[in-house]
C-alpha atoms as a PDB file:
ATOM      1  CA  MET A   1       0.000   0.000   0.000  1.00  0.00           C
ATOM      2  CA  LEU A   2       1.339   3.426  -0.940  1.00  0.00           C
ATOM      3  CA  SER A   3       1.790   6.072   1.716  1.00  0.00           C
ATOM      4  CA  GLN A   4       0.320   9.536   1.279  1.00  0.00           C
ATOM      5  CA  ALA A   5       3.797  10.780   0.336  1.00  0.00           C
ATOM      6  CA  HIS A   6       4.048   8.156  -2.407  1.00  0.00           C
ATOM      7  CA  ARG A   7       0.593   8.988  -3.803  1.00  0.00           C
ATOM      8  CA  ARG A   8       1.228  12.741  -3.855  1.00  0.00           C
ATOM      9  CA  LEU A   9       4.574  12.326  -5.547  1.00  0.00           C
ATOM     10  CA  LEU A  10       3.108   9.975  -8.146  1.00  0.00           C
ATOM     11  CA  GLN A  11       0.344  12.492  -8.849  1.00  0.00           C
ATOM     12  CA  ARG A  12       2.889  15.283  -9.297  1.00  0.00           C
ATOM     13  CA  SER A  13       5.174  13.205 -11.494  1.00  0.00           C
ATOM     14  CA  ASN A  14       2.818  12.725 -14.450  1.00  0.00           C
ATOM     15  CA  GLY A  15       4.805  12.710 -17.645  1.00  0.00           C
ATOM     16  CA  CYS A  16       7.795  10.897 -16.122  1.00  0.00           C
ATOM     17  CA  PRO A  17       8.544   7.445 -17.515  1.00  0.00           C
ATOM     18  CA  SER A  18       6.874   4.738 -15.452  1.00  0.00           C
ATOM     19  CA  GLU A  19      10.211   3.072 -14.658  1.00  0.00           C
ATOM     20  CA  TYR A  20      11.301   6.320 -12.964  1.00  0.00           C
ATOM     21  CA  LYS A  21       8.244   6.260 -10.751  1.00  0.00           C
ATOM     22  CA  VAL A  22       8.740   2.638  -9.810  1.00  0.00           C
ATOM     23  CA  ARG A  23      12.447   2.827  -9.024  1.00  0.00           C
ATOM     24  CA  HIS A  24      12.848   6.234  -7.456  1.00  0.00           C
ATOM     25  CA  VAL A  25       9.642   7.266  -5.718  1.00  0.00           C
ATOM     26  CA  PRO A  26       9.539   4.412  -3.187  1.00  0.00           C
ATOM     27  CA  ALA A  27      13.256   4.793  -2.461  1.00  0.00           C
ATOM     28  CA  ALA A  28      12.891   8.496  -1.654  1.00  0.00           C
ATOM     29  CA  ALA A  29       9.991   7.874   0.687  1.00  0.00           C
ATOM     30  CA  SER A  30      11.433   4.726   2.277  1.00  0.00           C
ATOM     31  CA  LEU A  31      14.679   6.531   3.105  1.00  0.00           C
ATOM     32  CA  GLY A  32      12.690   9.241   4.832  1.00  0.00           C
ATOM     33  CA  LEU A  33      13.540  11.926   2.300  1.00  0.00           C
ATOM     34  CA  LEU A  34       9.866  12.862   1.875  1.00  0.00           C
ATOM     35  CA  ASN A  35       7.451  14.222   4.438  1.00  0.00           C
ATOM     36  CA  ASP A  36       3.719  13.357   4.504  1.00  0.00           C
ATOM     37  CA  ALA A  37       3.060  16.034   1.878  1.00  0.00           C
ATOM     38  CA  GLY A  38       5.407  14.228  -0.514  1.00  0.00           C
ATOM     39  CA  GLN A  39       7.993  17.002  -0.311  1.00  0.00           C
ATOM     40  CA  HIS A  40      11.660  16.662   0.495  1.00  0.00           C
ATOM     41  CA  SER A  41      12.243  17.165   4.188  1.00  0.00           C
ATOM     42  CA  SER A  42      15.233  17.317   6.507  1.00  0.00           C
ATOM     43  CA  GLU A  43      13.282  18.200   9.639  1.00  0.00           C
ATOM     44  CA  SER A  44      14.037  14.975  11.484  1.00  0.00           C
ATOM     45  CA  PRO A  45      16.551  12.160  11.261  1.00  0.00           C
ATOM     46  CA  HIS A  46      15.050   9.364   9.169  1.00  0.00           C
ATOM     47  CA  LEU A  47      18.259   7.502   8.432  1.00  0.00           C
ATOM     48  CA  VAL A  48      19.221   6.414  11.942  1.00  0.00           C
ATOM     49  CA  GLY A  49      21.046   3.109  11.749  1.00  0.00           C
ATOM     50  CA  LYS A  50      21.658   3.322   7.999  1.00  0.00           C
ATOM     51  CA  ASN A  51      25.211   3.179   6.659  1.00  0.00           C
ATOM     52  CA  ALA A  52      26.377   5.280   3.720  1.00  0.00           C
ATOM     53  CA  ILE A  53      29.440   5.500   1.510  1.00  0.00           C
ATOM     54  CA  VAL A  54      29.996   8.859  -0.169  1.00  0.00           C
ATOM     55  CA  THR A  55      32.757   9.016  -2.776  1.00  0.00           C
ATOM     56  CA  GLY A  56      34.460  12.339  -3.399  1.00  0.00           C
ATOM     57  CA  ALA A  57      33.339  13.365   0.078  1.00  0.00           C
ATOM     58  CA  SER A  58      36.311  15.354   1.330  1.00  0.00           C
ATOM     59  CA  ARG A  59      35.018  18.629  -0.154  1.00  0.00           C
ATOM     60  CA  GLY A  60      32.297  20.314  -2.163  1.00  0.00           C
ATOM     61  CA  ILE A  61      29.076  18.515  -2.979  1.00  0.00           C
ATOM     62  CA  GLY A  62      30.327  15.225  -1.538  1.00  0.00           C
ATOM     63  CA  ALA A  63      31.065  16.816   1.830  1.00  0.00           C
ATOM     64  CA  GLN A  64      27.639  18.465   1.889  1.00  0.00           C
ATOM     65  CA  VAL A  65      25.938  15.166   1.042  1.00  0.00           C
ATOM     66  CA  ALA A  66      27.873  13.487   3.868  1.00  0.00           C
ATOM     67  CA  ARG A  67      26.751  16.236   6.282  1.00  0.00           C
ATOM     68  CA  GLU A  68      23.120  15.893   5.205  1.00  0.00           C
ATOM     69  CA  LEU A  69      23.179  12.123   5.615  1.00  0.00           C
ATOM     70  CA  ALA A  70      24.720  12.494   9.076  1.00  0.00           C
ATOM     71  CA  ALA A  71      22.177  15.162  10.026  1.00  0.00           C
ATOM     72  CA  ARG A  72      19.494  12.608   9.184  1.00  0.00           C
ATOM     73  CA  GLY A  73      21.200  10.011  11.390  1.00  0.00           C
ATOM     74  CA  ALA A  74      23.211   7.930   8.902  1.00  0.00           C
ATOM     75  CA  ASN A  75      26.700   6.642   9.619  1.00  0.00           C
ATOM     76  CA  VAL A  76      29.036   7.795   6.847  1.00  0.00           C
ATOM     77  CA  ALA A  77      32.187   6.496   5.163  1.00  0.00           C
ATOM     78  CA  ILE A  78      33.999   9.443   3.580  1.00  0.00           C
ATOM     79  CA  CYS A  79      35.843   8.272   0.480  1.00  0.00           C
ATOM     80  CA  PHE A  80      38.675  10.389  -0.923  1.00  0.00           C
ATOM     81  CA  VAL A  81      41.639   9.796  -3.210  1.00  0.00           C
ATOM     82  CA  SER A  82      44.637  12.023  -2.504  1.00  0.00           C
ATOM     83  CA  GLU A  83      46.904  12.731   0.436  1.00  0.00           C
ATOM     84  CA  GLN A  84      46.033  16.410  -0.069  1.00  0.00           C
ATOM     85  CA  SER A  85      42.411  15.598   0.791  1.00  0.00           C
ATOM     86  CA  LYS A  86      43.226  13.545   3.889  1.00  0.00           C
ATOM     87  CA  THR A  87      43.161  16.448   6.362  1.00  0.00           C
ATOM     88  CA  ALA A  88      39.813  17.689   5.043  1.00  0.00           C
ATOM     89  CA  ALA A  89      38.354  14.170   5.124  1.00  0.00           C
ATOM     90  CA  GLU A  90      39.496  13.621   8.709  1.00  0.00           C
ATOM     91  CA  ALA A  91      38.098  17.000   9.771  1.00  0.00           C
ATOM     92  CA  LEU A  92      34.764  16.142   8.162  1.00  0.00           C
ATOM     93  CA  ALA A  93      34.706  12.742   9.898  1.00  0.00           C
ATOM     94  CA  SER A  94      35.302  14.481  13.224  1.00  0.00           C
ATOM     95  CA  GLU A  95      32.502  16.947  12.457  1.00  0.00           C
ATOM     96  CA  LEU A  96      30.101  14.103  11.644  1.00  0.00           C
ATOM     97  CA  ARG A  97      31.019  12.205  14.811  1.00  0.00           C
ATOM     98  CA  GLY A  98      30.160  15.385  16.688  1.00  0.00           C
ATOM     99  CA  MET A  99      26.664  15.033  15.228  1.00  0.00           C
ATOM    100  CA  GLY A 100      26.334  11.688  17.022  1.00  0.00           C
ATOM    101  CA  VAL A 101      26.933   9.280  14.137  1.00  0.00           C
ATOM    102  CA  SER A 102      29.800   6.987  13.203  1.00  0.00           C
ATOM    103  CA  ALA A 103      32.146   8.245  10.512  1.00  0.00           C
ATOM    104  CA  THR A 104      35.255   6.819   8.927  1.00  0.00           C
ATOM    105  CA  CYS A 105      37.670   7.859   6.193  1.00  0.00           C
ATOM    106  CA  VAL A 106      38.483   5.608   3.254  1.00  0.00           C
ATOM    107  CA  GLN A 107      41.351   6.563   0.962  1.00  0.00           C
ATOM    108  CA  GLU A 108      41.146   4.826  -2.400  1.00  0.00           C
ATOM    109  CA  ASP A 109      41.669   5.684  -6.064  1.00  0.00           C
ATOM    110  CA  LEU A 110      38.447   4.534  -7.702  1.00  0.00           C
ATOM    111  CA  ALA A 111      40.136   4.447 -11.105  1.00  0.00           C
ATOM    112  CA  MET A 112      42.203   1.439 -10.032  1.00  0.00           C
ATOM    113  CA  ALA A 113      41.084  -2.158 -10.565  1.00  0.00           C
ATOM    114  CA  GLY A 114      39.327  -3.604  -7.524  1.00  0.00           C
ATOM    115  CA  ALA A 115      38.919  -0.218  -5.840  1.00  0.00           C
ATOM    116  CA  GLY A 116      35.158  -0.549  -5.435  1.00  0.00           C
ATOM    117  CA  ALA A 117      35.462  -3.747  -3.426  1.00  0.00           C
ATOM    118  CA  ARG A 118      38.243  -2.237  -1.309  1.00  0.00           C
ATOM    119  CA  VAL A 119      36.128   0.858  -0.563  1.00  0.00           C
ATOM    120  CA  VAL A 120      33.226  -1.288   0.613  1.00  0.00           C
ATOM    121  CA  GLU A 121      35.518  -3.523   2.686  1.00  0.00           C
ATOM    122  CA  LYS A 122      37.197  -0.539   4.370  1.00  0.00           C
ATOM    123  CA  ALA A 123      33.876   1.254   4.928  1.00  0.00           C
ATOM    124  CA  LEU A 124      32.302  -1.800   6.551  1.00  0.00           C
ATOM    125  CA  ALA A 125      35.311  -2.231   8.830  1.00  0.00           C
ATOM    126  CA  GLY A 126      35.523   1.477   9.674  1.00  0.00           C
ATOM    127  CA  LEU A 127      31.813   1.731  10.468  1.00  0.00           C
ATOM    128  CA  ASN A 128      31.912  -1.612  12.313  1.00  0.00           C
ATOM    129  CA  THR A 129      29.000  -3.024  10.329  1.00  0.00           C
ATOM    130  CA  ASN A 130      28.246  -5.602   7.662  1.00  0.00           C
ATOM    131  CA  THR A 131      25.724  -3.617   5.593  1.00  0.00           C
ATOM    132  CA  VAL A 132      25.814  -0.612   3.314  1.00  0.00           C
ATOM    133  CA  HIS A 133      22.387   0.938   2.734  1.00  0.00           C
ATOM    134  CA  ILE A 134      23.323   4.053   0.764  1.00  0.00           C
ATOM    135  CA  LEU A 135      25.955   4.633  -1.910  1.00  0.00           C
ATOM    136  CA  VAL A 136      26.555   8.117  -3.305  1.00  0.00           C
ATOM    137  CA  ASN A 137      28.846   8.041  -6.345  1.00  0.00           C
ATOM    138  CA  ASN A 138      30.102  11.612  -6.313  1.00  0.00           C
ATOM    139  CA  ALA A 139      33.778  11.086  -7.198  1.00  0.00           C
ATOM    140  CA  ALA A 140      34.979  12.718 -10.381  1.00  0.00           C
ATOM    141  CA  PHE A 141      38.223  13.265 -12.211  1.00  0.00           C
ATOM    142  CA  ASP A 142      39.269  16.897 -12.308  1.00  0.00           C
ATOM    143  CA  PRO A 143      41.794  17.562 -15.099  1.00  0.00           C
ATOM    144  CA  PRO A 144      44.721  19.804 -14.135  1.00  0.00           C
ATOM    145  CA  GLU A 145      43.542  22.518 -16.525  1.00  0.00           C
ATOM    146  CA  PRO A 146      39.984  23.352 -17.598  1.00  0.00           C
ATOM    147  CA  THR A 147      39.359  21.579 -20.892  1.00  0.00           C
ATOM    148  CA  LEU A 148      36.346  21.494 -23.184  1.00  0.00           C
ATOM    149  CA  VAL A 149      34.872  18.000 -23.346  1.00  0.00           C
ATOM    150  CA  HIS A 150      35.424  17.658 -27.089  1.00  0.00           C
ATOM    151  CA  GLU A 151      39.095  18.619 -26.613  1.00  0.00           C
ATOM    152  CA  THR A 152      39.705  16.220 -23.720  1.00  0.00           C
ATOM    153  CA  PRO A 153      41.942  13.248 -24.589  1.00  0.00           C
ATOM    154  CA  ALA A 154      39.890  10.031 -24.721  1.00  0.00           C
ATOM    155  CA  ASP A 155      42.191   8.241 -22.259  1.00  0.00           C
ATOM    156  CA  LEU A 156      41.099  10.630 -19.481  1.00  0.00           C
ATOM    157  CA  PHE A 157      37.564   9.205 -19.745  1.00  0.00           C
ATOM    158  CA  ASP A 158      38.913   5.717 -19.138  1.00  0.00           C
ATOM    159  CA  ARG A 159      40.690   6.778 -15.982  1.00  0.00           C
END
């Protein structure tokens, strides 16, 4: 049976492909991202006991996503790649722990073979759990100089 939040969101999402409605609407509501009016809400922690991995989480959007998840009660594994990001990642983990959740740092280059499995393994160990509920793939490759996509060497996309 659909909750009121599900029904309202389905009513508002006319015109979206049906597979979008099926896959994404229940997930948003079941994770507590919607209030009873079917609107996004961060008023109360709905993710208590959930475990999240956020890649590219040492700064920018990834750091903000990690903060939002923690504010909602989720435990967070902060994934970052470079030694230069380590201090920021550790500071963010400390900040999240101050919010009353578990947080751990995972340093891994996601462009390397087997990195995904290593990230999950390290996150599970660092959060002292055996389940990941949320995965936010935010990591990106930032070329050393701004480059137009059509001028970017093809091998950078394979990185």
